[in-house]
């Protein structure tokens, strides 16, 4: 396992599990949670799930990684739209697992260039991609010019 030199650390606290509340240490993220009806839960209105939070974080992080790698190659991917869909379900080996489908769209870059940048961002830069590698099935749909 690689070690890191922390540049930034944050924390969040959850109480009540998937039907509770979670909040970041600074209070900026403060949300009520509810298990979706599709998973047998109450699916309360105006609540979120851990998967929503993971999808939002991964999409934002991946967009940053994509722009970082593009800038290194004197290209611009700052306006790319990254949509991250996170699925949860039973694993063959027991317990539950996640699957991720990333959709990256940037019509300002040719398809082949964008595909190459996405691959590099996933393999080299994005910490979420590093964390999920060999643990979570991550697939990509890339839409360029």
C-alpha atoms as a PDB file:
ATOM      1  CA  UNK A   1       0.000   0.000   0.000  1.00  0.00           C
ATOM      2  CA  UNK A   2       1.240   3.480  -0.880  1.00  0.00           C
ATOM      3  CA  UNK A   3       1.684   5.967   1.911  1.00  0.00           C
ATOM      4  CA  UNK A   4       0.641   9.579   1.528  1.00  0.00           C
ATOM      5  CA  UNK A   5       1.798  12.899   2.909  1.00  0.00           C
ATOM      6  CA  UNK A   6      -1.496  14.508   3.948  1.00  0.00           C
ATOM      7  CA  UNK A   7      -2.115  17.969   2.497  1.00  0.00           C
ATOM      8  CA  UNK A   8      -5.661  18.197   3.836  1.00  0.00           C
ATOM      9  CA  UNK A   9      -7.703  16.143   6.258  1.00  0.00           C
ATOM     10  CA  UNK A  10     -11.389  16.403   7.049  1.00  0.00           C
ATOM     11  CA  UNK A  11     -13.857  14.313   8.934  1.00  0.00           C
ATOM     12  CA  UNK A  12     -17.550  13.679   9.165  1.00  0.00           C
ATOM     13  CA  UNK A  13     -19.667  12.016  11.793  1.00  0.00           C
ATOM     14  CA  UNK A  14     -22.706   9.840  11.171  1.00  0.00           C
ATOM     15  CA  UNK A  15     -25.258   8.916  13.774  1.00  0.00           C
ATOM     16  CA  UNK A  16     -28.066   6.452  13.177  1.00  0.00           C
ATOM     17  CA  UNK A  17     -26.472   4.679  10.211  1.00  0.00           C
ATOM     18  CA  UNK A  18     -28.324   4.737   6.899  1.00  0.00           C
ATOM     19  CA  UNK A  19     -31.472   6.142   8.542  1.00  0.00           C
ATOM     20  CA  UNK A  20     -29.695   8.830  10.532  1.00  0.00           C
ATOM     21  CA  UNK A  21     -27.747  12.010   9.982  1.00  0.00           C
ATOM     22  CA  UNK A  22     -24.232  12.827   8.827  1.00  0.00           C
ATOM     23  CA  UNK A  23     -22.307  16.058   9.107  1.00  0.00           C
ATOM     24  CA  UNK A  24     -18.856  17.272   8.182  1.00  0.00           C
ATOM     25  CA  UNK A  25     -16.654  18.675  10.918  1.00  0.00           C
ATOM     26  CA  UNK A  26     -17.246  22.228   9.683  1.00  0.00           C
ATOM     27  CA  UNK A  27     -21.012  21.728   9.341  1.00  0.00           C
ATOM     28  CA  UNK A  28     -21.115  22.674   5.653  1.00  0.00           C
ATOM     29  CA  UNK A  29     -22.272  19.168   4.783  1.00  0.00           C
ATOM     30  CA  UNK A  30     -25.179  18.313   7.057  1.00  0.00           C
ATOM     31  CA  UNK A  31     -27.715  15.850   5.704  1.00  0.00           C
ATOM     32  CA  UNK A  32     -30.362  13.443   6.866  1.00  0.00           C
ATOM     33  CA  UNK A  33     -30.069   9.913   5.533  1.00  0.00           C
ATOM     34  CA  UNK A  34     -32.693   7.360   4.595  1.00  0.00           C
ATOM     35  CA  UNK A  35     -32.497   3.912   3.047  1.00  0.00           C
ATOM     36  CA  UNK A  36     -34.190   4.128  -0.388  1.00  0.00           C
ATOM     37  CA  UNK A  37     -37.431   2.257  -0.941  1.00  0.00           C
ATOM     38  CA  UNK A  38     -35.646   0.217  -3.637  1.00  0.00           C
ATOM     39  CA  UNK A  39     -33.522  -1.238  -0.837  1.00  0.00           C
ATOM     40  CA  UNK A  40     -36.462  -1.889   1.451  1.00  0.00           C
ATOM     41  CA  UNK A  41     -36.149   1.319   3.440  1.00  0.00           C
ATOM     42  CA  UNK A  42     -38.491   4.201   4.144  1.00  0.00           C
ATOM     43  CA  UNK A  43     -37.115   6.432   1.370  1.00  0.00           C
ATOM     44  CA  UNK A  44     -37.954   9.574   3.311  1.00  0.00           C
ATOM     45  CA  UNK A  45     -38.264  12.781   1.251  1.00  0.00           C
ATOM     46  CA  UNK A  46     -35.447  15.342   1.404  1.00  0.00           C
ATOM     47  CA  UNK A  47     -32.881  12.761   2.519  1.00  0.00           C
ATOM     48  CA  UNK A  48     -29.805  11.381   0.845  1.00  0.00           C
ATOM     49  CA  UNK A  49     -27.746   8.195   0.887  1.00  0.00           C
ATOM     50  CA  UNK A  50     -24.058   7.385   1.339  1.00  0.00           C
ATOM     51  CA  UNK A  51     -24.050   6.461  -2.358  1.00  0.00           C
ATOM     52  CA  UNK A  52     -25.265   9.968  -3.306  1.00  0.00           C
ATOM     53  CA  UNK A  53     -22.441  11.471  -1.285  1.00  0.00           C
ATOM     54  CA  UNK A  54     -19.869   9.090  -2.787  1.00  0.00           C
ATOM     55  CA  UNK A  55     -21.121   9.810  -6.329  1.00  0.00           C
ATOM     56  CA  UNK A  56     -20.903  13.576  -5.780  1.00  0.00           C
ATOM     57  CA  UNK A  57     -17.396  13.327  -4.341  1.00  0.00           C
ATOM     58  CA  UNK A  58     -16.087  10.986  -7.031  1.00  0.00           C
ATOM     59  CA  UNK A  59     -17.576  13.094  -9.861  1.00  0.00           C
ATOM     60  CA  UNK A  60     -16.024  16.292  -8.515  1.00  0.00           C
ATOM     61  CA  UNK A  61     -12.673  14.688  -7.780  1.00  0.00           C
ATOM     62  CA  UNK A  62     -12.518  13.000 -11.175  1.00  0.00           C
ATOM     63  CA  UNK A  63     -13.324  16.285 -12.919  1.00  0.00           C
ATOM     64  CA  UNK A  64     -10.427  17.901 -11.087  1.00  0.00           C
ATOM     65  CA  UNK A  65      -8.086  15.039 -11.977  1.00  0.00           C
ATOM     66  CA  UNK A  66      -9.152  15.244 -15.624  1.00  0.00           C
ATOM     67  CA  UNK A  67      -8.472  18.982 -15.768  1.00  0.00           C
ATOM     68  CA  UNK A  68      -5.129  18.498 -13.973  1.00  0.00           C
ATOM     69  CA  UNK A  69      -3.901  15.925 -16.502  1.00  0.00           C
ATOM     70  CA  UNK A  70      -5.223  18.020 -19.413  1.00  0.00           C
ATOM     71  CA  UNK A  71      -3.347  21.127 -18.216  1.00  0.00           C
ATOM     72  CA  UNK A  72      -0.139  19.099 -18.032  1.00  0.00           C
ATOM     73  CA  UNK A  73      -0.624  18.461 -21.754  1.00  0.00           C
ATOM     74  CA  UNK A  74      -1.561  22.095 -22.503  1.00  0.00           C
ATOM     75  CA  UNK A  75      -5.222  21.181 -23.034  1.00  0.00           C
ATOM     76  CA  UNK A  76      -8.326  22.394 -21.240  1.00  0.00           C
ATOM     77  CA  UNK A  77     -10.892  20.053 -19.674  1.00  0.00           C
ATOM     78  CA  UNK A  78     -12.124  22.537 -17.043  1.00  0.00           C
ATOM     79  CA  UNK A  79     -15.614  22.544 -18.553  1.00  0.00           C
ATOM     80  CA  UNK A  80     -15.995  18.762 -18.775  1.00  0.00           C
ATOM     81  CA  UNK A  81     -19.192  17.404 -17.289  1.00  0.00           C
ATOM     82  CA  UNK A  82     -18.637  14.349 -15.110  1.00  0.00           C
ATOM     83  CA  UNK A  83     -21.613  12.284 -14.002  1.00  0.00           C
ATOM     84  CA  UNK A  84     -20.948   9.466 -11.566  1.00  0.00           C
ATOM     85  CA  UNK A  85     -23.612   6.806 -11.048  1.00  0.00           C
ATOM     86  CA  UNK A  86     -23.063   4.615  -7.991  1.00  0.00           C
ATOM     87  CA  UNK A  87     -24.963   1.347  -7.618  1.00  0.00           C
ATOM     88  CA  UNK A  88     -25.153  -0.769  -4.478  1.00  0.00           C
ATOM     89  CA  UNK A  89     -26.227  -4.382  -4.298  1.00  0.00           C
ATOM     90  CA  UNK A  90     -25.479  -7.842  -2.958  1.00  0.00           C
ATOM     91  CA  UNK A  91     -22.086  -9.317  -3.871  1.00  0.00           C
ATOM     92  CA  UNK A  92     -21.628 -12.871  -5.099  1.00  0.00           C
ATOM     93  CA  UNK A  93     -19.276 -13.474  -2.157  1.00  0.00           C
ATOM     94  CA  UNK A  94     -21.729 -12.105   0.408  1.00  0.00           C
ATOM     95  CA  UNK A  95     -22.336  -8.681   1.841  1.00  0.00           C
ATOM     96  CA  UNK A  96     -22.849  -5.645  -0.357  1.00  0.00           C
ATOM     97  CA  UNK A  97     -20.709  -3.978  -2.973  1.00  0.00           C
ATOM     98  CA  UNK A  98     -20.615  -0.937  -5.200  1.00  0.00           C
ATOM     99  CA  UNK A  99     -20.341  -0.406  -8.947  1.00  0.00           C
ATOM    100  CA  UNK A 100     -19.576   2.921 -10.626  1.00  0.00           C
ATOM    101  CA  UNK A 101     -20.427   4.205 -14.088  1.00  0.00           C
ATOM    102  CA  UNK A 102     -18.718   7.452 -15.053  1.00  0.00           C
ATOM    103  CA  UNK A 103     -19.973   9.574 -17.944  1.00  0.00           C
ATOM    104  CA  UNK A 104     -17.542  12.258 -19.076  1.00  0.00           C
ATOM    105  CA  UNK A 105     -18.617  14.772 -21.688  1.00  0.00           C
ATOM    106  CA  UNK A 106     -16.571  17.586 -23.215  1.00  0.00           C
ATOM    107  CA  UNK A 107     -17.447  18.621 -26.765  1.00  0.00           C
ATOM    108  CA  UNK A 108     -14.451  20.994 -26.880  1.00  0.00           C
ATOM    109  CA  UNK A 109     -12.033  18.048 -27.091  1.00  0.00           C
ATOM    110  CA  UNK A 110     -11.809  15.413 -29.819  1.00  0.00           C
ATOM    111  CA  UNK A 111     -13.124  12.013 -28.736  1.00  0.00           C
ATOM    112  CA  UNK A 112      -9.729  10.254 -28.900  1.00  0.00           C
ATOM    113  CA  UNK A 113      -8.009  13.001 -26.884  1.00  0.00           C
ATOM    114  CA  UNK A 114     -10.727  13.049 -24.247  1.00  0.00           C
ATOM    115  CA  UNK A 115     -10.664   9.254 -23.960  1.00  0.00           C
ATOM    116  CA  UNK A 116      -6.907   9.327 -23.451  1.00  0.00           C
ATOM    117  CA  UNK A 117      -7.171  12.053 -20.797  1.00  0.00           C
ATOM    118  CA  UNK A 118      -9.918  10.124 -18.979  1.00  0.00           C
ATOM    119  CA  UNK A 119      -7.792   6.978 -18.937  1.00  0.00           C
ATOM    120  CA  UNK A 120      -4.778   8.881 -17.619  1.00  0.00           C
ATOM    121  CA  UNK A 121      -6.829  10.674 -14.949  1.00  0.00           C
ATOM    122  CA  UNK A 122      -8.247   7.327 -13.809  1.00  0.00           C
ATOM    123  CA  UNK A 123      -4.946   5.445 -13.824  1.00  0.00           C
ATOM    124  CA  UNK A 124      -2.583   8.152 -12.581  1.00  0.00           C
ATOM    125  CA  UNK A 125      -4.249  11.015 -10.730  1.00  0.00           C
ATOM    126  CA  UNK A 126      -7.711  10.613  -9.186  1.00  0.00           C
ATOM    127  CA  UNK A 127      -7.544   9.449  -5.536  1.00  0.00           C
ATOM    128  CA  UNK A 128     -11.062   8.001  -5.723  1.00  0.00           C
ATOM    129  CA  UNK A 129      -9.926   5.897  -8.681  1.00  0.00           C
ATOM    130  CA  UNK A 130      -6.898   4.750  -6.690  1.00  0.00           C
ATOM    131  CA  UNK A 131      -9.134   3.867  -3.724  1.00  0.00           C
ATOM    132  CA  UNK A 132     -11.625   1.882  -5.811  1.00  0.00           C
ATOM    133  CA  UNK A 133      -9.106   0.088  -8.048  1.00  0.00           C
ATOM    134  CA  UNK A 134      -9.469  -3.708  -7.834  1.00  0.00           C
ATOM    135  CA  UNK A 135     -12.356  -3.262  -5.368  1.00  0.00           C
ATOM    136  CA  UNK A 136     -15.123  -1.579  -7.351  1.00  0.00           C
ATOM    137  CA  UNK A 137     -16.125  -2.077 -10.980  1.00  0.00           C
ATOM    138  CA  UNK A 138     -15.656   1.357 -12.579  1.00  0.00           C
ATOM    139  CA  UNK A 139     -16.721   1.811 -16.208  1.00  0.00           C
ATOM    140  CA  UNK A 140     -16.582   4.882 -18.451  1.00  0.00           C
ATOM    141  CA  UNK A 141     -18.663   6.464 -21.171  1.00  0.00           C
ATOM    142  CA  UNK A 142     -16.693   9.248 -22.857  1.00  0.00           C
ATOM    143  CA  UNK A 143     -18.343  11.768 -25.177  1.00  0.00           C
ATOM    144  CA  UNK A 144     -16.057  14.193 -26.984  1.00  0.00           C
ATOM    145  CA  UNK A 145     -16.316  16.184 -30.175  1.00  0.00           C
END
